[in-house]
C-alpha atoms as a PDB file:
ATOM      1  CA  MET A   1      16.405 -64.750 123.845  1.00  0.00           C
ATOM      2  CA  THR A   2      15.375 -63.032 127.011  1.00  0.00           C
ATOM      3  CA  ASP A   3      17.597 -60.097 127.256  1.00  0.00           C
ATOM      4  CA  GLU A   4      18.795 -58.846 130.890  1.00  0.00           C
ATOM      5  CA  PHE A   5      20.619 -55.742 131.708  1.00  0.00           C
ATOM      6  CA  GLY A   6      20.283 -54.033 128.210  1.00  0.00           C
ATOM      7  CA  GLY A   7      21.104 -57.055 126.463  1.00  0.00           C
ATOM      8  CA  ASP A   8      24.487 -57.766 128.351  1.00  0.00           C
ATOM      9  CA  ILE A   9      23.218 -61.220 129.146  1.00  0.00           C
ATOM     10  CA  SER A  10      20.555 -63.397 127.274  1.00  0.00           C
ATOM     11  CA  ILE A  11      19.361 -66.895 128.287  1.00  0.00           C
ATOM     12  CA  GLU A  12      16.863 -69.188 126.892  1.00  0.00           C
ATOM     13  CA  ARG A  13      15.633 -72.815 126.698  1.00  0.00           C
ATOM     14  CA  ILE A  14      13.485 -73.564 123.805  1.00  0.00           C
ATOM     15  CA  HIS A  15      11.813 -76.635 122.382  1.00  0.00           C
ATOM     16  CA  ILE A  16      11.323 -76.695 118.632  1.00  0.00           C
ATOM     17  CA  ASN A  17       9.645 -79.484 116.834  1.00  0.00           C
ATOM     18  CA  SER A  18       9.505 -80.151 112.908  1.00  0.00           C
ATOM     19  CA  SER A  19       6.066 -81.317 112.579  1.00  0.00           C
ATOM     20  CA  PRO A  20       3.782 -79.458 110.357  1.00  0.00           C
ATOM     21  CA  ILE A  21       1.802 -78.185 113.498  1.00  0.00           C
ATOM     22  CA  ALA A  22       4.863 -76.648 115.053  1.00  0.00           C
ATOM     23  CA  ASP A  23       4.022 -73.521 117.132  1.00  0.00           C
ATOM     24  CA  LYS A  24       4.448 -70.171 115.650  1.00  0.00           C
ATOM     25  CA  ALA A  25       7.160 -69.460 118.196  1.00  0.00           C
ATOM     26  CA  SER A  26       9.135 -72.467 117.027  1.00  0.00           C
ATOM     27  CA  LEU A  27       8.895 -71.734 113.501  1.00  0.00           C
ATOM     28  CA  SER A  28       9.431 -68.203 113.788  1.00  0.00           C
ATOM     29  CA  PHE A  29      12.722 -68.979 115.811  1.00  0.00           C
ATOM     30  CA  PHE A  30      13.960 -71.475 113.094  1.00  0.00           C
ATOM     31  CA  GLU A  31      13.190 -68.905 110.330  1.00  0.00           C
ATOM     32  CA  GLU A  32      15.412 -66.351 112.128  1.00  0.00           C
ATOM     33  CA  ALA A  33      18.247 -69.166 112.917  1.00  0.00           C
ATOM     34  CA  LYS A  34      18.199 -70.060 108.945  1.00  0.00           C
ATOM     35  CA  GLN A  35      19.519 -66.588 108.243  1.00  0.00           C
ATOM     36  CA  SER A  36      23.252 -66.338 108.262  1.00  0.00           C
ATOM     37  CA  HIS A  37      24.192 -64.085 111.171  1.00  0.00           C
ATOM     38  CA  ARG A  38      26.462 -63.421 114.124  1.00  0.00           C
ATOM     39  CA  HIS A  39      26.256 -62.288 117.673  1.00  0.00           C
ATOM     40  CA  ASP A  40      28.078 -59.233 119.374  1.00  0.00           C
ATOM     41  CA  ARG A  41      28.439 -61.427 122.440  1.00  0.00           C
ATOM     42  CA  HIS A  42      29.756 -64.806 123.312  1.00  0.00           C
ATOM     43  CA  SER A  43      27.163 -67.566 122.708  1.00  0.00           C
ATOM     44  CA  PHE A  44      26.933 -70.913 124.198  1.00  0.00           C
ATOM     45  CA  PHE A  45      24.508 -73.518 123.184  1.00  0.00           C
ATOM     46  CA  VAL A  46      23.587 -76.690 124.852  1.00  0.00           C
ATOM     47  CA  LEU A  47      21.778 -79.154 122.545  1.00  0.00           C
ATOM     48  CA  GLU A  48      20.010 -81.222 125.010  1.00  0.00           C
ATOM     49  CA  SER A  49      18.002 -83.470 122.759  1.00  0.00           C
ATOM     50  CA  GLY A  50      17.488 -83.700 118.929  1.00  0.00           C
ATOM     51  CA  THR A  51      19.741 -83.146 115.820  1.00  0.00           C
ATOM     52  CA  VAL A  52      20.554 -79.792 114.261  1.00  0.00           C
ATOM     53  CA  HIS A  53      22.460 -79.303 111.113  1.00  0.00           C
ATOM     54  CA  ILE A  54      24.422 -75.885 111.245  1.00  0.00           C
ATOM     55  CA  ASP A  55      27.020 -73.979 109.287  1.00  0.00           C
ATOM     56  CA  ILE A  56      29.604 -72.350 111.376  1.00  0.00           C
ATOM     57  CA  ASP A  57      32.251 -70.206 109.431  1.00  0.00           C
ATOM     58  CA  PHE A  58      31.506 -71.983 106.104  1.00  0.00           C
ATOM     59  CA  GLN A  59      31.809 -75.612 107.805  1.00  0.00           C
ATOM     60  CA  SER A  60      28.856 -77.677 108.049  1.00  0.00           C
ATOM     61  CA  TYR A  61      28.357 -79.821 111.001  1.00  0.00           C
ATOM     62  CA  LYS A  62      25.341 -82.412 111.959  1.00  0.00           C
ATOM     63  CA  ILE A  63      25.174 -82.123 115.541  1.00  0.00           C
ATOM     64  CA  ASP A  64      23.624 -84.776 117.818  1.00  0.00           C
ATOM     65  CA  SER A  65      22.694 -84.330 121.549  1.00  0.00           C
ATOM     66  CA  PRO A  66      24.101 -84.183 124.111  1.00  0.00           C
ATOM     67  CA  THR A  67      26.368 -81.465 122.599  1.00  0.00           C
ATOM     68  CA  VAL A  68      27.861 -78.095 123.656  1.00  0.00           C
ATOM     69  CA  ILE A  69      28.706 -75.292 121.138  1.00  0.00           C
ATOM     70  CA  TYR A  70      30.693 -72.124 121.757  1.00  0.00           C
ATOM     71  CA  MET A  71      30.805 -69.308 119.233  1.00  0.00           C
ATOM     72  CA  HIS A  72      32.995 -66.451 119.201  1.00  0.00           C
ATOM     73  CA  PRO A  73      31.288 -63.014 118.512  1.00  0.00           C
ATOM     74  CA  ASP A  74      32.962 -62.878 115.149  1.00  0.00           C
ATOM     75  CA  GLN A  75      31.673 -66.258 113.865  1.00  0.00           C
ATOM     76  CA  VAL A  76      29.195 -66.344 111.199  1.00  0.00           C
ATOM     77  CA  HIS A  77      26.695 -69.148 111.457  1.00  0.00           C
ATOM     78  CA  ARG A  78      23.199 -70.529 110.620  1.00  0.00           C
ATOM     79  CA  THR A  79      21.126 -73.383 111.139  1.00  0.00           C
ATOM     80  CA  THR A  80      20.059 -75.388 108.087  1.00  0.00           C
ATOM     81  CA  ALA A  81      17.890 -78.052 109.417  1.00  0.00           C
ATOM     82  CA  PHE A  82      16.683 -79.522 112.796  1.00  0.00           C
ATOM     83  CA  ASP A  83      14.639 -82.375 114.346  1.00  0.00           C
ATOM     84  CA  ASN A  84      12.739 -82.121 117.400  1.00  0.00           C
ATOM     85  CA  VAL A  85      15.355 -80.311 119.534  1.00  0.00           C
ATOM     86  CA  THR A  86      15.629 -78.953 123.048  1.00  0.00           C
ATOM     87  CA  VAL A  87      18.482 -76.335 123.085  1.00  0.00           C
ATOM     88  CA  SER A  88      19.497 -73.969 126.033  1.00  0.00           C
ATOM     89  CA  SER A  89      21.513 -70.931 125.140  1.00  0.00           C
ATOM     90  CA  LEU A  90      23.539 -68.137 126.752  1.00  0.00           C
ATOM     91  CA  ALA A  91      24.994 -64.977 125.165  1.00  0.00           C
ATOM     92  CA  ILE A  92      27.095 -62.887 127.285  1.00  0.00           C
ATOM     93  CA  ASN A  93      29.264 -59.776 126.691  1.00  0.00           C
ATOM     94  CA  ASN A  94      32.923 -59.135 127.599  1.00  0.00           C
ATOM     95  CA  GLU A  95      31.934 -57.033 130.510  1.00  0.00           C
ATOM     96  CA  ASN A  96      30.024 -59.773 132.224  1.00  0.00           C
ATOM     97  CA  LEU A  97      32.530 -62.327 131.603  1.00  0.00           C
ATOM     98  CA  HIS A  98      35.085 -63.306 134.271  1.00  0.00           C
ATOM     99  CA  PRO A  99      38.524 -61.867 132.878  1.00  0.00           C
ATOM    100  CA  GLU A 100      40.185 -65.225 133.227  1.00  0.00           C
ATOM    101  CA  TYR A 101      37.113 -66.943 131.184  1.00  0.00           C
ATOM    102  CA  LEU A 102      37.437 -64.283 128.586  1.00  0.00           C
ATOM    103  CA  LYS A 103      41.352 -64.753 128.064  1.00  0.00           C
ATOM    104  CA  LEU A 104      40.757 -68.502 127.781  1.00  0.00           C
ATOM    105  CA  LEU A 105      37.925 -68.032 125.371  1.00  0.00           C
ATOM    106  CA  GLU A 106      39.941 -65.983 123.077  1.00  0.00           C
ATOM    107  CA  GLU A 107      42.851 -68.543 123.119  1.00  0.00           C
ATOM    108  CA  ILE A 108      40.640 -71.579 122.145  1.00  0.00           C
ATOM    109  CA  THR A 109      38.754 -69.757 119.295  1.00  0.00           C
ATOM    110  CA  PRO A 110      37.680 -71.259 117.151  1.00  0.00           C
ATOM    111  CA  THR A 111      36.177 -74.480 118.434  1.00  0.00           C
ATOM    112  CA  LYS A 112      34.141 -77.118 116.939  1.00  0.00           C
ATOM    113  CA  PRO A 113      30.903 -78.802 118.748  1.00  0.00           C
ATOM    114  CA  LEU A 114      31.773 -80.862 121.468  1.00  0.00           C
ATOM    115  CA  LEU A 115      29.823 -84.077 122.364  1.00  0.00           C
ATOM    116  CA  LEU A 116      29.290 -84.307 126.147  1.00  0.00           C
ATOM    117  CA  THR A 117      29.795 -87.212 128.675  1.00  0.00           C
ATOM    118  CA  ASN A 118      26.316 -88.211 130.400  1.00  0.00           C
ATOM    119  CA  GLU A 119      27.740 -87.079 133.724  1.00  0.00           C
ATOM    120  CA  THR A 120      29.000 -83.713 132.216  1.00  0.00           C
ATOM    121  CA  PHE A 121      25.794 -83.076 130.385  1.00  0.00           C
ATOM    122  CA  SER A 122      23.800 -83.699 133.706  1.00  0.00           C
ATOM    123  CA  ILE A 123      25.953 -81.223 135.395  1.00  0.00           C
ATOM    124  CA  LEU A 124      25.611 -78.561 132.721  1.00  0.00           C
ATOM    125  CA  THR A 125      21.873 -78.774 132.392  1.00  0.00           C
ATOM    126  CA  GLU A 126      21.381 -78.479 136.107  1.00  0.00           C
ATOM    127  CA  THR A 127      23.584 -75.276 135.757  1.00  0.00           C
ATOM    128  CA  VAL A 128      21.367 -74.107 133.001  1.00  0.00           C
ATOM    129  CA  SER A 129      18.193 -74.596 135.139  1.00  0.00           C
ATOM    130  CA  LEU A 130      19.645 -72.822 138.008  1.00  0.00           C
ATOM    131  CA  CYS A 131      20.719 -69.699 135.534  1.00  0.00           C
ATOM    132  CA  LEU A 132      17.036 -69.836 134.323  1.00  0.00           C
ATOM    133  CA  LYS A 133      15.536 -69.747 137.708  1.00  0.00           C
ATOM    134  CA  PHE A 134      17.796 -67.005 138.794  1.00  0.00           C
ATOM    135  CA  SER A 135      16.867 -64.917 135.746  1.00  0.00           C
ATOM    136  CA  GLU A 136      13.263 -64.914 136.920  1.00  0.00           C
ATOM    137  CA  ARG A 137      14.033 -63.587 140.545  1.00  0.00           C
ATOM    138  CA  LYS A 138      14.310 -60.004 139.540  1.00  0.00           C
ATOM    139  CA  SER A 139      13.179 -58.649 142.976  1.00  0.00           C
ATOM    140  CA  GLU A 140      16.443 -60.093 144.685  1.00  0.00           C
ATOM    141  CA  LYS A 141      18.673 -57.369 145.844  1.00  0.00           C
ATOM    142  CA  LEU A 142      21.693 -59.226 144.366  1.00  0.00           C
ATOM    143  CA  TYR A 143      19.817 -60.047 141.083  1.00  0.00           C
ATOM    144  CA  HIS A 144      22.534 -58.919 138.719  1.00  0.00           C
ATOM    145  CA  SER A 145      25.460 -60.600 140.846  1.00  0.00           C
ATOM    146  CA  LEU A 146      23.305 -63.936 141.232  1.00  0.00           C
ATOM    147  CA  LEU A 147      22.595 -64.062 137.321  1.00  0.00           C
ATOM    148  CA  LYS A 148      26.198 -62.997 136.345  1.00  0.00           C
ATOM    149  CA  ASP A 149      27.967 -65.488 138.663  1.00  0.00           C
ATOM    150  CA  SER A 150      25.682 -68.283 137.775  1.00  0.00           C
ATOM    151  CA  CYS A 151      26.204 -67.812 134.165  1.00  0.00           C
ATOM    152  CA  ASN A 152      29.938 -67.620 134.580  1.00  0.00           C
ATOM    153  CA  ALA A 153      29.736 -70.858 136.289  1.00  0.00           C
ATOM    154  CA  TRP A 154      28.079 -72.232 133.036  1.00  0.00           C
ATOM    155  CA  VAL A 155      30.909 -70.630 131.069  1.00  0.00           C
ATOM    156  CA  ALA A 156      33.416 -72.341 133.206  1.00  0.00           C
ATOM    157  CA  LEU A 157      31.923 -75.708 132.777  1.00  0.00           C
ATOM    158  CA  VAL A 158      31.782 -75.395 129.115  1.00  0.00           C
ATOM    159  CA  LEU A 159      35.435 -74.103 129.065  1.00  0.00           C
ATOM    160  CA  SER A 160      36.836 -76.852 131.160  1.00  0.00           C
ATOM    161  CA  GLN A 161      35.491 -79.466 128.436  1.00  0.00           C
ATOM    162  CA  PHE A 162      37.216 -77.581 125.755  1.00  0.00           C
ATOM    163  CA  LEU A 163      40.493 -77.153 127.700  1.00  0.00           C
ATOM    164  CA  GLU A 164      40.651 -81.036 128.373  1.00  0.00           C
ATOM    165  CA  GLN A 165      40.791 -81.289 124.555  1.00  0.00           C
ATOM    166  CA  SER A 166      43.998 -79.053 124.359  1.00  0.00           C
ATOM    167  CA  LYS A 167      47.490 -79.757 125.522  1.00  0.00           C
ATOM    168  CA  PRO A 168      48.584 -77.926 128.772  1.00  0.00           C
ATOM    169  CA  ALA A 169      50.752 -74.958 128.335  1.00  0.00           C
ATOM    170  CA  ASP A 170      53.502 -76.409 130.381  1.00  0.00           C
ATOM    171  CA  LYS A 171      53.640 -79.401 128.008  1.00  0.00           C
ATOM    172  CA  LEU A 172      54.123 -77.361 124.737  1.00  0.00           C
ATOM    173  CA  SER A 173      57.373 -77.568 123.061  1.00  0.00           C
ATOM    174  CA  ARG A 174      59.201 -74.404 121.969  1.00  0.00           C
ATOM    175  CA  PHE A 175      57.857 -74.650 118.533  1.00  0.00           C
ATOM    176  CA  GLU A 176      54.325 -75.102 119.734  1.00  0.00           C
ATOM    177  CA  SER A 177      54.522 -72.201 122.310  1.00  0.00           C
ATOM    178  CA  ILE A 178      55.837 -69.762 119.688  1.00  0.00           C
ATOM    179  CA  THR A 179      53.157 -71.004 117.127  1.00  0.00           C
ATOM    180  CA  LYS A 180      50.341 -70.464 119.897  1.00  0.00           C
ATOM    181  CA  ALA A 181      51.631 -67.055 120.533  1.00  0.00           C
ATOM    182  CA  PHE A 182      51.600 -66.241 116.960  1.00  0.00           C
ATOM    183  CA  ARG A 183      48.222 -67.437 116.312  1.00  0.00           C
ATOM    184  CA  GLU A 184      46.966 -65.442 119.266  1.00  0.00           C
ATOM    185  CA  MET A 185      48.505 -62.424 118.050  1.00  0.00           C
ATOM    186  CA  LEU A 186      47.383 -62.980 114.493  1.00  0.00           C
ATOM    187  CA  GLU A 187      43.622 -63.229 115.659  1.00  0.00           C
ATOM    188  CA  HIS A 188      43.975 -59.609 116.879  1.00  0.00           C
ATOM    189  CA  GLN A 189      46.207 -58.031 114.304  1.00  0.00           C
ATOM    190  CA  TYR A 190      45.378 -59.731 110.954  1.00  0.00           C
ATOM    191  CA  ALA A 191      43.914 -56.494 109.640  1.00  0.00           C
ATOM    192  CA  THR A 192      47.096 -54.341 110.527  1.00  0.00           C
ATOM    193  CA  VAL A 193      50.068 -56.645 110.274  1.00  0.00           C
ATOM    194  CA  LYS A 194      50.325 -58.538 107.016  1.00  0.00           C
ATOM    195  CA  ARG A 195      53.905 -59.751 106.765  1.00  0.00           C
ATOM    196  CA  PRO A 196      55.717 -62.427 108.719  1.00  0.00           C
ATOM    197  CA  ALA A 197      58.435 -60.140 109.810  1.00  0.00           C
ATOM    198  CA  GLY A 198      55.833 -58.002 111.654  1.00  0.00           C
ATOM    199  CA  TYR A 199      55.020 -60.836 113.781  1.00  0.00           C
ATOM    200  CA  ALA A 200      58.516 -62.174 114.281  1.00  0.00           C
ATOM    201  CA  GLN A 201      59.453 -58.533 115.473  1.00  0.00           C
ATOM    202  CA  LYS A 202      56.728 -58.553 117.864  1.00  0.00           C
ATOM    203  CA  LEU A 203      57.701 -62.011 119.129  1.00  0.00           C
ATOM    204  CA  ASN A 204      61.422 -60.949 119.429  1.00  0.00           C
ATOM    205  CA  ILE A 205      62.490 -63.766 117.178  1.00  0.00           C
ATOM    206  CA  SER A 206      63.835 -63.883 113.594  1.00  0.00           C
ATOM    207  CA  THR A 207      61.533 -64.417 110.688  1.00  0.00           C
ATOM    208  CA  PRO A 208      63.096 -67.544 109.412  1.00  0.00           C
ATOM    209  CA  TYR A 209      62.674 -69.208 112.883  1.00  0.00           C
ATOM    210  CA  LEU A 210      59.136 -67.989 113.197  1.00  0.00           C
ATOM    211  CA  ASN A 211      58.295 -69.736 109.921  1.00  0.00           C
ATOM    212  CA  GLU A 212      60.344 -72.738 111.269  1.00  0.00           C
ATOM    213  CA  CYS A 213      58.102 -73.183 114.226  1.00  0.00           C
ATOM    214  CA  VAL A 214      54.870 -72.476 112.571  1.00  0.00           C
ATOM    215  CA  LYS A 215      55.461 -74.873 109.727  1.00  0.00           C
ATOM    216  CA  SER A 216      56.903 -77.571 111.836  1.00  0.00           C
ATOM    217  CA  THR A 217      53.799 -77.411 114.247  1.00  0.00           C
ATOM    218  CA  THR A 218      50.959 -76.866 111.553  1.00  0.00           C
ATOM    219  CA  GLY A 219      52.447 -77.992 108.267  1.00  0.00           C
ATOM    220  CA  TYR A 220      51.752 -74.599 106.818  1.00  0.00           C
ATOM    221  CA  SER A 221      53.912 -71.185 106.521  1.00  0.00           C
ATOM    222  CA  VAL A 222      53.316 -67.951 108.329  1.00  0.00           C
ATOM    223  CA  SER A 223      52.268 -66.263 105.106  1.00  0.00           C
ATOM    224  CA  HIS A 224      49.572 -69.056 104.676  1.00  0.00           C
ATOM    225  CA  HIS A 225      48.143 -68.532 108.073  1.00  0.00           C
ATOM    226  CA  ILE A 226      48.005 -64.689 107.575  1.00  0.00           C
ATOM    227  CA  GLN A 227      46.292 -65.049 104.327  1.00  0.00           C
ATOM    228  CA  GLN A 228      43.707 -67.493 105.414  1.00  0.00           C
ATOM    229  CA  ARG A 229      42.866 -65.488 108.514  1.00  0.00           C
ATOM    230  CA  VAL A 230      42.281 -62.377 106.225  1.00  0.00           C
ATOM    231  CA  ILE A 231      40.257 -64.223 103.767  1.00  0.00           C
ATOM    232  CA  LEU A 232      38.192 -65.861 106.598  1.00  0.00           C
ATOM    233  CA  GLU A 233      37.015 -62.432 107.797  1.00  0.00           C
ATOM    234  CA  ALA A 234      36.383 -61.327 104.269  1.00  0.00           C
ATOM    235  CA  LYS A 235      34.149 -64.242 103.813  1.00  0.00           C
ATOM    236  CA  ARG A 236      32.241 -63.453 106.945  1.00  0.00           C
ATOM    237  CA  LEU A 237      31.842 -60.045 105.723  1.00  0.00           C
ATOM    238  CA  LEU A 238      30.664 -60.894 102.325  1.00  0.00           C
ATOM    239  CA  TYR A 239      28.204 -63.282 103.675  1.00  0.00           C
ATOM    240  CA  TYR A 240      26.764 -61.466 106.392  1.00  0.00           C
ATOM    241  CA  SER A 241      27.412 -57.650 105.813  1.00  0.00           C
ATOM    242  CA  ASP A 242      26.005 -55.444 102.954  1.00  0.00           C
ATOM    243  CA  LYS A 243      29.537 -53.714 102.540  1.00  0.00           C
ATOM    244  CA  SER A 244      30.909 -53.721  99.025  1.00  0.00           C
ATOM    245  CA  VAL A 245      34.114 -55.721  98.065  1.00  0.00           C
ATOM    246  CA  LYS A 246      36.084 -52.433  98.056  1.00  0.00           C
ATOM    247  CA  GLU A 247      34.700 -51.398 101.535  1.00  0.00           C
ATOM    248  CA  ILE A 248      35.697 -54.903 102.990  1.00  0.00           C
ATOM    249  CA  ALA A 249      39.290 -54.568 101.564  1.00  0.00           C
ATOM    250  CA  THR A 250      39.767 -51.184 103.327  1.00  0.00           C
ATOM    251  CA  VAL A 251      38.281 -52.797 106.625  1.00  0.00           C
ATOM    252  CA  LEU A 252      40.765 -55.598 106.349  1.00  0.00           C
ATOM    253  CA  GLY A 253      43.716 -53.120 105.840  1.00  0.00           C
ATOM    254  CA  TYR A 254      44.113 -53.310 102.106  1.00  0.00           C
ATOM    255  CA  ASP A 255      44.173 -49.762 100.295  1.00  0.00           C
ATOM    256  CA  ASP A 256      45.204 -51.625  97.202  1.00  0.00           C
ATOM    257  CA  TYR A 257      41.723 -53.058  95.973  1.00  0.00           C
ATOM    258  CA  PRO A 258      43.120 -54.993  92.890  1.00  0.00           C
ATOM    259  CA  TYR A 259      45.615 -56.600  95.093  1.00  0.00           C
ATOM    260  CA  PHE A 260      42.984 -57.617  97.704  1.00  0.00           C
ATOM    261  CA  SER A 261      40.634 -59.003  95.009  1.00  0.00           C
ATOM    262  CA  ARG A 262      43.579 -61.254  93.335  1.00  0.00           C
ATOM    263  CA  LEU A 263      44.478 -62.311  96.808  1.00  0.00           C
ATOM    264  CA  PHE A 264      40.801 -63.458  97.566  1.00  0.00           C
ATOM    265  CA  THR A 265      40.762 -65.167  93.988  1.00  0.00           C
ATOM    266  CA  LYS A 266      44.067 -66.961  94.556  1.00  0.00           C
ATOM    267  CA  VAL A 267      43.153 -68.368  98.086  1.00  0.00           C
ATOM    268  CA  THR A 268      39.392 -69.206  97.399  1.00  0.00           C
ATOM    269  CA  GLY A 269      39.495 -70.104  93.591  1.00  0.00           C
ATOM    270  CA  MET A 270      36.590 -67.578  92.817  1.00  0.00           C
ATOM    271  CA  THR A 271      36.126 -63.788  92.946  1.00  0.00           C
ATOM    272  CA  ALA A 272      34.745 -62.100  96.038  1.00  0.00           C
ATOM    273  CA  LEU A 273      31.503 -61.276  94.178  1.00  0.00           C
ATOM    274  CA  ALA A 274      31.111 -64.846  92.980  1.00  0.00           C
ATOM    275  CA  PHE A 275      31.464 -66.013  96.630  1.00  0.00           C
ATOM    276  CA  ARG A 276      28.937 -63.759  97.755  1.00  0.00           C
ATOM    277  CA  ASN A 277      26.413 -64.411  95.025  1.00  0.00           C
ATOM    278  CA  ARG A 278      26.920 -68.228  95.545  1.00  0.00           C
ATOM    279  CA  ASN A 279      26.242 -67.871  99.065  1.00  0.00           C
ATOM    280  CA  LEU A 280      23.162 -65.604  98.897  1.00  0.00           C
ATOM    281  CA  ASP A 281      21.468 -67.895  96.369  1.00  0.00           C
END
């Protein structure tokens, strides 16, 4: 991707074909994409044509155009196959995102690939083309502002599509509002707060009431959500990093390594090392 401002914003439109005579750049791009990785920025991909098979946080998707994909910096992903694709991509860090958009992105994480209507796809691709044109006008006095603002327009268009799929905040029931607040808090504090009582205290409600709200809304207990979020991050680190299982346990807030190992096995049905070895094969 073409980096601007020291890597704060990266944008690109690339055509990749799957024929035996594919150009070296396309083949190199695909070889890199096949390796599991995650970005330190928010990533937006518009699949303009073709089909892509991709794994995102251990879920496999077959994606047909026109589709938009948003990936949070924490999410691990890899492309497993493609067929004659055109994809536009934007990566942008927190500092260059509009604060309101950053907050909304945090609230809707994680997302799934979203199929676009023809009208929305047309507007989005026009915005992408405008961003790419601005990225080439480096002699402009307000170059940074032009690129930053146009890229935020791209983000806003994508955000609006995902927000259409979610229930408006003013339409949420009391149980749904509390569950939403809990899940947002969990996303930021799963490594430090491990007990339901800790979240209940922060939300100024009783632990039984928090459990009632979450279970009624999601079908699962607060403890289940805490364990699932911790183990998801453990899977990401096992899959992507070279940290030892003991180091991962420490990163996730477990000084008791044997307890963490038992928890991982209980939740996933296999040991952490078995998971790592299976996914590295």
